[in-house]
Structure formats: C-alpha cells, structure tokens
Protein backbone atom coordinates (compact mmCIF):
# COMPACT_ATOMS: atom_id res chain seq x y z
CA MET A 1 -35.78 -23.87 -7.52
CA GLN A 2 -32.78 -25.97 -6.92
CA THR A 3 -31.54 -28.22 -9.76
CA ASP A 4 -29.33 -31.27 -9.20
CA PRO A 5 -26.43 -31.50 -11.77
CA ASP A 6 -26.34 -35.24 -11.63
CA LYS A 7 -30.07 -35.34 -12.76
CA LEU A 8 -29.36 -32.90 -15.51
CA THR A 9 -26.38 -34.78 -16.86
CA LYS A 10 -28.16 -38.16 -16.76
CA ALA A 11 -31.26 -36.67 -18.61
CA HIS A 12 -29.09 -34.89 -21.25
CA ASN A 13 -26.01 -36.69 -22.59
CA GLN A 14 -24.42 -33.73 -24.11
CA LEU A 15 -24.23 -31.84 -20.64
CA THR A 16 -21.04 -31.74 -18.70
CA HIS A 17 -20.69 -30.67 -15.11
CA SER A 18 -17.56 -29.16 -13.69
CA GLU A 19 -16.93 -28.11 -10.01
CA GLN A 20 -14.32 -25.76 -8.33
CA LYS A 21 -13.41 -24.04 -11.66
CA ILE A 22 -11.39 -20.76 -11.19
CA VAL A 23 -12.71 -17.67 -12.98
CA VAL A 24 -10.05 -15.82 -14.96
CA SER A 25 -12.38 -13.10 -16.46
CA HIS A 26 -16.09 -12.24 -16.51
CA THR A 27 -17.72 -9.72 -18.85
CA GLN A 28 -21.39 -8.64 -19.11
CA ARG A 29 -22.89 -6.70 -22.00
CA GLU A 30 -26.44 -5.66 -22.83
CA LYS A 31 -27.95 -6.99 -26.08
CA ASP A 32 -31.68 -6.16 -26.71
CA ASP A 33 -33.51 -7.07 -23.46
CA TRP A 34 -30.73 -9.58 -22.39
CA PHE A 35 -27.47 -9.46 -20.50
CA ILE A 36 -24.93 -11.58 -22.35
CA ASN A 37 -22.26 -12.99 -19.83
CA SER A 38 -18.93 -14.46 -20.96
CA ILE A 39 -16.69 -16.28 -18.56
CA MET A 40 -13.06 -17.50 -19.09
CA ILE A 41 -11.83 -20.19 -16.72
CA ASP A 42 -8.42 -21.34 -15.70
CA ASP A 43 -6.83 -24.00 -18.00
CA CYS A 44 -9.47 -23.57 -20.76
CA ASP A 45 -9.27 -21.53 -23.97
CA VAL A 46 -12.98 -21.61 -24.76
CA PRO A 47 -15.40 -18.98 -23.48
CA PHE A 48 -18.43 -19.99 -21.28
CA LYS A 49 -21.52 -17.97 -22.14
CA PHE A 50 -24.98 -17.55 -20.68
CA LYS A 51 -27.68 -14.94 -20.78
CA ARG A 52 -30.01 -13.56 -18.16
CA LYS A 53 -32.81 -11.02 -18.16
CA THR A 54 -31.29 -9.17 -15.19
CA LYS A 55 -27.59 -8.28 -14.51
CA TYR A 56 -25.66 -11.20 -13.00
CA LYS A 57 -23.40 -10.67 -9.92
CA THR A 58 -19.86 -9.87 -10.88
CA LEU A 59 -17.47 -12.75 -10.75
CA ILE A 60 -13.99 -11.85 -9.50
CA LYS A 61 -10.82 -13.24 -10.84
CA GLY A 62 -9.86 -16.27 -8.71
CA GLN A 63 -13.38 -17.03 -7.57
CA ARG A 64 -14.44 -20.68 -7.71
CA ILE A 65 -17.62 -21.70 -9.54
CA ASN A 66 -19.49 -24.86 -10.51
CA LEU A 67 -20.79 -25.08 -14.05
CA THR A 68 -23.19 -27.28 -16.10
CA PHE A 69 -22.71 -26.67 -19.84
CA TYR A 70 -22.62 -28.09 -23.34
CA PRO A 71 -20.53 -27.34 -26.37
CA GLN A 72 -21.91 -25.01 -29.03
CA LYS A 73 -20.74 -23.46 -32.36
CA GLU A 74 -21.01 -19.68 -32.83
CA VAL A 75 -20.34 -18.00 -36.23
CA ILE A 76 -18.91 -14.55 -36.04
CA ALA A 77 -17.96 -12.66 -39.34
CA GLY A 78 -18.10 -15.99 -41.22
CA LEU A 79 -15.72 -17.71 -38.82
CA GLU A 80 -16.82 -20.63 -36.62
CA PHE A 81 -15.91 -20.64 -32.96
CA GLU A 82 -16.55 -23.06 -30.23
CA VAL A 83 -18.23 -21.75 -27.02
CA MET A 84 -19.71 -23.49 -23.99
CA LYS A 85 -23.37 -22.75 -23.33
CA VAL A 86 -23.91 -22.58 -19.61
CA VAL A 87 -27.23 -23.99 -18.38
CA ARG A 88 -26.39 -23.83 -14.58
CA ILE A 89 -23.88 -21.80 -12.65
CA LYS A 90 -23.39 -21.66 -8.91
CA MET A 91 -20.80 -20.29 -6.57
CA ALA A 92 -18.56 -22.96 -5.19
C-alpha cells in the first residue's frame, strides 16, 4: 500500500515530511515482540524512532531517506527528551 506524504501532512497538521535526509546512524533492538529502530540524521540532534514487527533493513551511514514524522516527548529515568516519531520511511 503506497501512501502519499502530501495527503498525510494535509490530513494531520502535526506531521512533517522531509526528503533526501542523510543517515548518520541506525540501531535496532528487540523489545517484547517489536523491533525498536532509532535513526540519527545529519544536522539534527533529535533521534527519529519507529517500531516494526519484523526487523527493518539496515540503513548505512550516508544513505538518503524520506521521512514523515511528528515530535513526541519520551521520559527516561525521570528526564524528558524530545524524539521524532516516524510514521513513514522510504529510501530516497
């Protein structure tokens, strides 16, 4: 099922779509029945996170991706951190 980022961002005001972002690092870890993915992109200090039921393909440093995401707060050990919750990711 293909999704159009323009339709998503028009339907949901909080969503942002970015294209041609460069991957700096990508990690995957297993938690319960999910794979939690964290991506860092060039010129951004906030991690982009998403989860999948199956392992996601490994993103290599320097690879370009298109992302649709929204900001979210995450509390870890009593400290609040900003993260970006990814709702759509594609290879550029």
